[in-house]
Amino acid sequence: MAKVRKKPFRMCVGCQEMKIKKDLIRIVRTPDETIEIDYTGKKSGRGAYICPQQQCLEKARKGNRLEKALKHSVSSEVYEKLLQELESSE
């Protein structure tokens, strides 16, 4: 009989809800202190997760939640890239 694997959950920095990891977008602070969108979910560094919805991105930006989660300042270019990513996925 096959063993059922537990699905990993992560908290969205925008809405603060626990969701399945694959449904979220990972933003990572790499060891060389750059902020990138991690499409694979496997880049090394400190990560934060966000829902693929504009409301969550706006909440995270207003509350500086991404900066707090990554323990690093996030430039407006990263937010713009995330916004473009969200608009293209809809």
PDB file of N, CA and C in Angstrom:
ATOM      1  N   MET A   1       0.847  -1.182   0.000  1.00  0.00           N
ATOM      2  CA  MET A   1       0.000   0.000   0.000  1.00  0.00           C
ATOM      3  C   MET A   1       0.889   1.241   0.000  1.00  0.00           C
ATOM      4  N   ALA A   2       0.605   2.189  -0.871  1.00  0.00           N
ATOM      5  CA  ALA A   2       1.404   3.410  -0.985  1.00  0.00           C
ATOM      6  C   ALA A   2       1.137   4.343   0.186  1.00  0.00           C
ATOM      7  N   LYS A   3       2.208   4.964   0.617  1.00  0.00           N
ATOM      8  CA  LYS A   3       2.102   5.901   1.724  1.00  0.00           C
ATOM      9  C   LYS A   3       1.640   7.265   1.194  1.00  0.00           C
ATOM     10  N   VAL A   4       0.688   7.888   1.863  1.00  0.00           N
ATOM     11  CA  VAL A   4       0.193   9.195   1.452  1.00  0.00           C
ATOM     12  C   VAL A   4       1.118  10.253   2.018  1.00  0.00           C
ATOM     13  N   ARG A   5       1.649  11.101   1.126  1.00  0.00           N
ATOM     14  CA  ARG A   5       2.577  12.139   1.572  1.00  0.00           C
ATOM     15  C   ARG A   5       1.811  13.380   2.005  1.00  0.00           C
ATOM     16  N   LYS A   6       2.286  13.986   3.069  1.00  0.00           N
ATOM     17  CA  LYS A   6       1.691  15.212   3.565  1.00  0.00           C
ATOM     18  C   LYS A   6       2.149  16.375   2.686  1.00  0.00           C
ATOM     19  N   LYS A   7       1.227  17.262   2.299  1.00  0.00           N
ATOM     20  CA  LYS A   7       1.576  18.401   1.458  1.00  0.00           C
ATOM     21  C   LYS A   7       2.106  19.536   2.333  1.00  0.00           C
ATOM     22  N   PRO A   8       3.204  20.157   1.911  1.00  0.00           N
ATOM     23  CA  PRO A   8       3.760  21.255   2.720  1.00  0.00           C
ATOM     24  C   PRO A   8       2.922  22.525   2.596  1.00  0.00           C
ATOM     25  N   PHE A   9       2.672  23.170   3.708  1.00  0.00           N
ATOM     26  CA  PHE A   9       1.937  24.421   3.757  1.00  0.00           C
ATOM     27  C   PHE A   9       2.880  25.561   4.120  1.00  0.00           C
ATOM     28  N   ARG A  10       2.610  26.743   3.587  1.00  0.00           N
ATOM     29  CA  ARG A  10       3.371  27.942   3.915  1.00  0.00           C
ATOM     30  C   ARG A  10       2.387  29.084   4.122  1.00  0.00           C
ATOM     31  N   MET A  11       2.804  30.096   4.871  1.00  0.00           N
ATOM     32  CA  MET A  11       1.937  31.238   5.134  1.00  0.00           C
ATOM     33  C   MET A  11       2.204  32.359   4.140  1.00  0.00           C
ATOM     34  N   CYS A  12       1.138  32.898   3.580  1.00  0.00           N
ATOM     35  CA  CYS A  12       1.238  34.035   2.668  1.00  0.00           C
ATOM     36  C   CYS A  12       1.537  35.281   3.504  1.00  0.00           C
ATOM     37  N   VAL A  13       2.522  36.089   3.072  1.00  0.00           N
ATOM     38  CA  VAL A  13       2.855  37.309   3.818  1.00  0.00           C
ATOM     39  C   VAL A  13       1.800  38.387   3.629  1.00  0.00           C
ATOM     40  N   GLY A  14       0.941  38.247   2.630  1.00  0.00           N
ATOM     41  CA  GLY A  14      -0.106  39.236   2.382  1.00  0.00           C
ATOM     42  C   GLY A  14      -1.334  38.995   3.237  1.00  0.00           C
ATOM     43  N   CYS A  15      -1.999  37.864   3.019  1.00  0.00           N
ATOM     44  CA  CYS A  15      -3.259  37.577   3.721  1.00  0.00           C
ATOM     45  C   CYS A  15      -3.064  36.809   5.021  1.00  0.00           C
ATOM     46  N   GLN A  16      -1.852  36.364   5.296  1.00  0.00           N
ATOM     47  CA  GLN A  16      -1.507  35.641   6.524  1.00  0.00           C
ATOM     48  C   GLN A  16      -2.260  34.314   6.657  1.00  0.00           C
ATOM     49  N   GLU A  17      -2.603  33.673   5.528  1.00  0.00           N
ATOM     50  CA  GLU A  17      -3.284  32.381   5.548  1.00  0.00           C
ATOM     51  C   GLU A  17      -2.324  31.275   5.149  1.00  0.00           C
ATOM     52  N   MET A  18      -2.518  30.103   5.731  1.00  0.00           N
ATOM     53  CA  MET A  18      -1.721  28.939   5.377  1.00  0.00           C
ATOM     54  C   MET A  18      -2.301  28.327   4.105  1.00  0.00           C
ATOM     55  N   LYS A  19      -1.429  28.116   3.119  1.00  0.00           N
ATOM     56  CA  LYS A  19      -1.855  27.541   1.845  1.00  0.00           C
ATOM     57  C   LYS A  19      -0.809  26.539   1.383  1.00  0.00           C
ATOM     58  N   ILE A  20      -1.195  25.718   0.426  1.00  0.00           N
ATOM     59  CA  ILE A  20      -0.271  24.720  -0.113  1.00  0.00           C
ATOM     60  C   ILE A  20       0.884  25.445  -0.814  1.00  0.00           C
ATOM     61  N   LYS A  21       2.090  24.987  -0.554  1.00  0.00           N
ATOM     62  CA  LYS A  21       3.307  25.634  -1.046  1.00  0.00           C
ATOM     63  C   LYS A  21       3.308  25.836  -2.558  1.00  0.00           C
ATOM     64  N   LYS A  22       2.821  24.869  -3.315  1.00  0.00           N
ATOM     65  CA  LYS A  22       2.834  24.964  -4.780  1.00  0.00           C
ATOM     66  C   LYS A  22       1.903  26.054  -5.307  1.00  0.00           C
ATOM     67  N   ASP A  23       0.909  26.458  -4.517  1.00  0.00           N
ATOM     68  CA  ASP A  23      -0.035  27.489  -4.940  1.00  0.00           C
ATOM     69  C   ASP A  23       0.503  28.900  -4.722  1.00  0.00           C
ATOM     70  N   LEU A  24       1.634  29.030  -4.048  1.00  0.00           N
ATOM     71  CA  LEU A  24       2.191  30.338  -3.701  1.00  0.00           C
ATOM     72  C   LEU A  24       3.415  30.680  -4.549  1.00  0.00           C
ATOM     73  N   ILE A  25       3.752  31.953  -4.579  1.00  0.00           N
ATOM     74  CA  ILE A  25       4.955  32.433  -5.264  1.00  0.00           C
ATOM     75  C   ILE A  25       6.019  32.659  -4.201  1.00  0.00           C
ATOM     76  N   ARG A  26       7.225  32.162  -4.440  1.00  0.00           N
ATOM     77  CA  ARG A  26       8.316  32.328  -3.477  1.00  0.00           C
ATOM     78  C   ARG A  26       9.210  33.476  -3.896  1.00  0.00           C
ATOM     79  N   ILE A  27       9.481  34.357  -2.949  1.00  0.00           N
ATOM     80  CA  ILE A  27      10.441  35.442  -3.137  1.00  0.00           C
ATOM     81  C   ILE A  27      11.607  35.110  -2.217  1.00  0.00           C
ATOM     82  N   VAL A  28      12.817  35.193  -2.740  1.00  0.00           N
ATOM     83  CA  VAL A  28      13.978  34.753  -1.976  1.00  0.00           C
ATOM     84  C   VAL A  28      15.038  35.858  -1.890  1.00  0.00           C
ATOM     85  N   ARG A  29      15.655  35.956  -0.715  1.00  0.00           N
ATOM     86  CA  ARG A  29      16.842  36.798  -0.551  1.00  0.00           C
ATOM     87  C   ARG A  29      18.032  35.859  -0.657  1.00  0.00           C
ATOM     88  N   THR A  30      18.779  36.004  -1.730  1.00  0.00           N
ATOM     89  CA  THR A  30      19.910  35.111  -1.985  1.00  0.00           C
ATOM     90  C   THR A  30      21.068  35.432  -1.039  1.00  0.00           C
ATOM     91  N   PRO A  31      22.037  34.526  -0.922  1.00  0.00           N
ATOM     92  CA  PRO A  31      23.186  34.786  -0.051  1.00  0.00           C
ATOM     93  C   PRO A  31      23.987  36.039  -0.425  1.00  0.00           C
ATOM     94  N   ASP A  32      23.906  36.484  -1.688  1.00  0.00           N
ATOM     95  CA  ASP A  32      24.601  37.718  -2.071  1.00  0.00           C
ATOM     96  C   ASP A  32      23.695  38.950  -1.954  1.00  0.00           C
ATOM     97  N   GLU A  33      22.632  38.824  -1.111  1.00  0.00           N
ATOM     98  CA  GLU A  33      21.753  39.945  -0.734  1.00  0.00           C
ATOM     99  C   GLU A  33      20.916  40.532  -1.871  1.00  0.00           C
ATOM    100  N   THR A  34      20.575  39.746  -2.881  1.00  0.00           N
ATOM    101  CA  THR A  34      19.657  40.215  -3.917  1.00  0.00           C
ATOM    102  C   THR A  34      18.289  39.570  -3.690  1.00  0.00           C
ATOM    103  N   ILE A  35      17.236  40.279  -4.083  1.00  0.00           N
ATOM    104  CA  ILE A  35      15.873  39.776  -3.946  1.00  0.00           C
ATOM    105  C   ILE A  35      15.396  39.322  -5.321  1.00  0.00           C
ATOM    106  N   GLU A  36      14.941  38.077  -5.407  1.00  0.00           N
ATOM    107  CA  GLU A  36      14.509  37.506  -6.680  1.00  0.00           C
ATOM    108  C   GLU A  36      13.229  36.717  -6.491  1.00  0.00           C
ATOM    109  N   ILE A  37      12.517  36.517  -7.600  1.00  0.00           N
ATOM    110  CA  ILE A  37      11.368  35.620  -7.597  1.00  0.00           C
ATOM    111  C   ILE A  37      11.909  34.223  -7.899  1.00  0.00           C
ATOM    112  N   ASP A  38      11.570  33.276  -7.052  1.00  0.00           N
ATOM    113  CA  ASP A  38      12.064  31.911  -7.196  1.00  0.00           C
ATOM    114  C   ASP A  38      10.982  31.055  -7.842  1.00  0.00           C
ATOM    115  N   TYR A  39      11.150  30.776  -9.123  1.00  0.00           N
ATOM    116  CA  TYR A  39      10.159  29.995  -9.853  1.00  0.00           C
ATOM    117  C   TYR A  39      10.245  28.512  -9.536  1.00  0.00           C
ATOM    118  N   THR A  40      11.425  28.036  -9.163  1.00  0.00           N
ATOM    119  CA  THR A  40      11.606  26.613  -8.879  1.00  0.00           C
ATOM    120  C   THR A  40      11.251  26.269  -7.438  1.00  0.00           C
ATOM    121  N   GLY A  41      11.371  27.240  -6.528  1.00  0.00           N
ATOM    122  CA  GLY A  41      11.123  26.982  -5.117  1.00  0.00           C
ATOM    123  C   GLY A  41      12.290  26.318  -4.423  1.00  0.00           C
ATOM    124  N   LYS A  42      13.457  26.290  -5.093  1.00  0.00           N
ATOM    125  CA  LYS A  42      14.602  25.579  -4.534  1.00  0.00           C
ATOM    126  C   LYS A  42      15.866  26.415  -4.429  1.00  0.00           C
ATOM    127  N   LYS A  43      15.798  27.702  -4.756  1.00  0.00           N
ATOM    128  CA  LYS A  43      17.002  28.532  -4.648  1.00  0.00           C
ATOM    129  C   LYS A  43      17.402  28.658  -3.191  1.00  0.00           C
ATOM    130  N   SER A  44      18.702  28.769  -2.968  1.00  0.00           N
ATOM    131  CA  SER A  44      19.159  28.897  -1.594  1.00  0.00           C
ATOM    132  C   SER A  44      18.960  30.332  -1.123  1.00  0.00           C
ATOM    133  N   GLY A  45      18.671  30.475   0.138  1.00  0.00           N
ATOM    134  CA  GLY A  45      18.462  31.790   0.725  1.00  0.00           C
ATOM    135  C   GLY A  45      17.186  31.824   1.545  1.00  0.00           C
ATOM    136  N   ARG A  46      16.934  32.975   2.120  1.00  0.00           N
ATOM    137  CA  ARG A  46      15.743  33.165   2.958  1.00  0.00           C
ATOM    138  C   ARG A  46      14.538  33.439   2.070  1.00  0.00           C
ATOM    139  N   GLY A  47      13.473  32.705   2.263  1.00  0.00           N
ATOM    140  CA  GLY A  47      12.312  32.830   1.397  1.00  0.00           C
ATOM    141  C   GLY A  47      11.077  33.353   2.102  1.00  0.00           C
ATOM    142  N   ALA A  48      10.195  33.941   1.308  1.00  0.00           N
ATOM    143  CA  ALA A  48       8.878  34.377   1.763  1.00  0.00           C
ATOM    144  C   ALA A  48       7.893  33.997   0.671  1.00  0.00           C
ATOM    145  N   TYR A  49       6.668  33.724   1.066  1.00  0.00           N
ATOM    146  CA  TYR A  49       5.669  33.260   0.119  1.00  0.00           C
ATOM    147  C   TYR A  49       4.513  34.247   0.042  1.00  0.00           C
ATOM    148  N   ILE A  50       3.937  34.359  -1.167  1.00  0.00           N
ATOM    149  CA  ILE A  50       2.812  35.258  -1.371  1.00  0.00           C
ATOM    150  C   ILE A  50       1.830  34.613  -2.340  1.00  0.00           C
ATOM    151  N   CYS A  51       0.540  34.856  -2.121  1.00  0.00           N
ATOM    152  CA  CYS A  51      -0.503  34.336  -3.011  1.00  0.00           C
ATOM    153  C   CYS A  51      -0.410  35.025  -4.366  1.00  0.00           C
ATOM    154  N   PRO A  52      -0.828  34.350  -5.415  1.00  0.00           N
ATOM    155  CA  PRO A  52      -0.823  34.981  -6.737  1.00  0.00           C
ATOM    156  C   PRO A  52      -2.039  35.886  -6.950  1.00  0.00           C
ATOM    157  N   GLN A  53      -2.254  36.808  -6.015  1.00  0.00           N
ATOM    158  CA  GLN A  53      -3.375  37.753  -6.091  1.00  0.00           C
ATOM    159  C   GLN A  53      -2.869  39.147  -5.778  1.00  0.00           C
ATOM    160  N   GLN A  54      -3.438  40.133  -6.478  1.00  0.00           N
ATOM    161  CA  GLN A  54      -2.994  41.512  -6.293  1.00  0.00           C
ATOM    162  C   GLN A  54      -3.282  42.034  -4.889  1.00  0.00           C
ATOM    163  N   GLN A  55      -4.408  41.616  -4.296  1.00  0.00           N
ATOM    164  CA  GLN A  55      -4.746  42.102  -2.950  1.00  0.00           C
ATOM    165  C   GLN A  55      -3.671  41.711  -1.943  1.00  0.00           C
ATOM    166  N   CYS A  56      -3.165  40.498  -2.062  1.00  0.00           N
ATOM    167  CA  CYS A  56      -2.127  40.032  -1.132  1.00  0.00           C
ATOM    168  C   CYS A  56      -0.838  40.827  -1.319  1.00  0.00           C
ATOM    169  N   LEU A  57      -0.495  41.119  -2.568  1.00  0.00           N
ATOM    170  CA  LEU A  57       0.711  41.907  -2.835  1.00  0.00           C
ATOM    171  C   LEU A  57       0.564  43.309  -2.263  1.00  0.00           C
ATOM    172  N   GLU A  58      -0.613  43.910  -2.411  1.00  0.00           N
ATOM    173  CA  GLU A  58      -0.853  45.255  -1.869  1.00  0.00           C
ATOM    174  C   GLU A  58      -0.773  45.268  -0.348  1.00  0.00           C
ATOM    175  N   LYS A  59      -1.359  44.247   0.297  1.00  0.00           N
ATOM    176  CA  LYS A  59      -1.293  44.151   1.762  1.00  0.00           C
ATOM    177  C   LYS A  59       0.147  43.993   2.239  1.00  0.00           C
ATOM    178  N   ALA A  60       0.896  43.147   1.533  1.00  0.00           N
ATOM    179  CA  ALA A  60       2.292  42.908   1.907  1.00  0.00           C
ATOM    180  C   ALA A  60       3.111  44.183   1.732  1.00  0.00           C
ATOM    181  N   ARG A  61       2.829  44.939   0.685  1.00  0.00           N
ATOM    182  CA  ARG A  61       3.585  46.172   0.420  1.00  0.00           C
ATOM    183  C   ARG A  61       3.248  47.258   1.443  1.00  0.00           C
ATOM    184  N   LYS A  62       1.962  47.413   1.764  1.00  0.00           N
ATOM    185  CA  LYS A  62       1.540  48.446   2.726  1.00  0.00           C
ATOM    186  C   LYS A  62       2.110  48.194   4.112  1.00  0.00           C
ATOM    187  N   GLY A  63       2.116  46.922   4.521  1.00  0.00           N
ATOM    188  CA  GLY A  63       2.591  46.588   5.860  1.00  0.00           C
ATOM    189  C   GLY A  63       4.067  46.274   5.934  1.00  0.00           C
ATOM    190  N   ASN A  64       4.808  46.455   4.839  1.00  0.00           N
ATOM    191  CA  ASN A  64       6.238  46.117   4.775  1.00  0.00           C
ATOM    192  C   ASN A  64       6.494  44.679   5.210  1.00  0.00           C
ATOM    193  N   ARG A  65       5.549  43.801   4.916  1.00  0.00           N
ATOM    194  CA  ARG A  65       5.656  42.418   5.374  1.00  0.00           C
ATOM    195  C   ARG A  65       6.737  41.633   4.646  1.00  0.00           C
ATOM    196  N   LEU A  66       6.970  41.966   3.389  1.00  0.00           N
ATOM    197  CA  LEU A  66       8.024  41.278   2.634  1.00  0.00           C
ATOM    198  C   LEU A  66       9.390  41.615   3.211  1.00  0.00           C
ATOM    199  N   GLU A  67       9.589  42.896   3.550  1.00  0.00           N
ATOM    200  CA  GLU A  67      10.854  43.316   4.151  1.00  0.00           C
ATOM    201  C   GLU A  67      11.086  42.617   5.484  1.00  0.00           C
ATOM    202  N   LYS A  68      10.025  42.501   6.279  1.00  0.00           N
ATOM    203  CA  LYS A  68      10.145  41.858   7.585  1.00  0.00           C
ATOM    204  C   LYS A  68      10.451  40.374   7.440  1.00  0.00           C
ATOM    205  N   ALA A  69       9.791  39.726   6.484  1.00  0.00           N
ATOM    206  CA  ALA A  69       9.991  38.284   6.291  1.00  0.00           C
ATOM    207  C   ALA A  69      11.382  37.972   5.749  1.00  0.00           C
ATOM    208  N   LEU A  70      11.875  38.821   4.851  1.00  0.00           N
ATOM    209  CA  LEU A  70      13.183  38.586   4.243  1.00  0.00           C
ATOM    210  C   LEU A  70      14.327  39.230   5.017  1.00  0.00           C
ATOM    211  N   LYS A  71      13.988  40.068   5.995  1.00  0.00           N
ATOM    212  CA  LYS A  71      14.975  40.787   6.803  1.00  0.00           C
ATOM    213  C   LYS A  71      15.936  41.580   5.910  1.00  0.00           C
ATOM    214  N   HIS A  72      15.343  42.246   4.917  1.00  0.00           N
ATOM    215  CA  HIS A  72      16.114  43.030   3.949  1.00  0.00           C
ATOM    216  C   HIS A  72      15.145  43.978   3.254  1.00  0.00           C
ATOM    217  N   SER A  73      15.631  45.139   2.828  1.00  0.00           N
ATOM    218  CA  SER A  73      14.747  46.065   2.112  1.00  0.00           C
ATOM    219  C   SER A  73      14.464  45.530   0.708  1.00  0.00           C
ATOM    220  N   VAL A  74      13.230  45.757   0.260  1.00  0.00           N
ATOM    221  CA  VAL A  74      12.798  45.287  -1.056  1.00  0.00           C
ATOM    222  C   VAL A  74      12.548  46.507  -1.927  1.00  0.00           C
ATOM    223  N   SER A  75      13.202  46.557  -3.088  1.00  0.00           N
ATOM    224  CA  SER A  75      13.074  47.713  -3.974  1.00  0.00           C
ATOM    225  C   SER A  75      11.727  47.693  -4.692  1.00  0.00           C
ATOM    226  N   SER A  76      11.355  48.850  -5.214  1.00  0.00           N
ATOM    227  CA  SER A  76      10.089  48.948  -5.945  1.00  0.00           C
ATOM    228  C   SER A  76      10.141  48.139  -7.236  1.00  0.00           C
ATOM    229  N   GLU A  77      11.340  47.904  -7.778  1.00  0.00           N
ATOM    230  CA  GLU A  77      11.484  47.097  -8.993  1.00  0.00           C
ATOM    231  C   GLU A  77      11.015  45.665  -8.760  1.00  0.00           C
ATOM    232  N   VAL A  78      11.288  45.133  -7.575  1.00  0.00           N
ATOM    233  CA  VAL A  78      10.852  43.774  -7.247  1.00  0.00           C
ATOM    234  C   VAL A  78       9.329  43.731  -7.182  1.00  0.00           C
ATOM    235  N   TYR A  79       8.713  44.749  -6.558  1.00  0.00           N
ATOM    236  CA  TYR A  79       7.257  44.812  -6.485  1.00  0.00           C
ATOM    237  C   TYR A  79       6.647  44.923  -7.885  1.00  0.00           C
ATOM    238  N   GLU A  80       7.272  45.723  -8.765  1.00  0.00           N
ATOM    239  CA  GLU A  80       6.773  45.866 -10.130  1.00  0.00           C
ATOM    240  C   GLU A  80       6.871  44.541 -10.882  1.00  0.00           C
ATOM    241  N   LYS A  81       7.964  43.824 -10.686  1.00  0.00           N
ATOM    242  CA  LYS A  81       8.143  42.522 -11.336  1.00  0.00           C
ATOM    243  C   LYS A  81       7.089  41.528 -10.841  1.00  0.00           C
ATOM    244  N   LEU A  82       6.819  41.561  -9.538  1.00  0.00           N
ATOM    245  CA  LEU A  82       5.789  40.699  -8.967  1.00  0.00           C
ATOM    246  C   LEU A  82       4.414  41.043  -9.526  1.00  0.00           C
ATOM    247  N   LEU A  83       4.131  42.333  -9.642  1.00  0.00           N
ATOM    248  CA  LEU A  83       2.845  42.783 -10.171  1.00  0.00           C
ATOM    249  C   LEU A  83       2.672  42.316 -11.616  1.00  0.00           C
ATOM    250  N   GLN A  84       3.720  42.422 -12.413  1.00  0.00           N
ATOM    251  CA  GLN A  84       3.668  41.942 -13.796  1.00  0.00           C
ATOM    252  C   GLN A  84       3.437  40.428 -13.833  1.00  0.00           C
ATOM    253  N   GLU A  85       4.078  39.715 -12.932  1.00  0.00           N
ATOM    254  CA  GLU A  85       3.922  38.268 -12.851  1.00  0.00           C
ATOM    255  C   GLU A  85       2.472  37.913 -12.525  1.00  0.00           C
ATOM    256  N   LEU A  86       1.879  38.633 -11.599  1.00  0.00           N
ATOM    257  CA  LEU A  86       0.497  38.365 -11.212  1.00  0.00           C
ATOM    258  C   LEU A  86      -0.475  38.679 -12.346  1.00  0.00           C
ATOM    259  N   GLU A  87      -0.237  39.778 -13.051  1.00  0.00           N
ATOM    260  CA  GLU A  87      -1.117  40.158 -14.150  1.00  0.00           C
ATOM    261  C   GLU A  87      -1.017  39.174 -15.306  1.00  0.00           C
ATOM    262  N   SER A  88       0.172  38.635 -15.561  1.00  0.00           N
ATOM    263  CA  SER A  88       0.333  37.688 -16.660  1.00  0.00           C
ATOM    264  C   SER A  88      -0.271  36.321 -16.336  1.00  0.00           C
ATOM    265  N   SER A  89      -0.352  35.974 -15.046  1.00  0.00           N
ATOM    266  CA  SER A  89      -0.903  34.676 -14.668  1.00  0.00           C
ATOM    267  C   SER A  89      -2.430  34.669 -14.637  1.00  0.00           C
ATOM    268  N   GLU A  90      -3.055  35.841 -14.608  1.00  0.00           N
ATOM    269  CA  GLU A  90      -4.525  35.913 -14.545  1.00  0.00           C
ATOM    270  C   GLU A  90      -5.170  35.717 -15.887  1.00  0.00           C
TER     271      GLU A  90
END
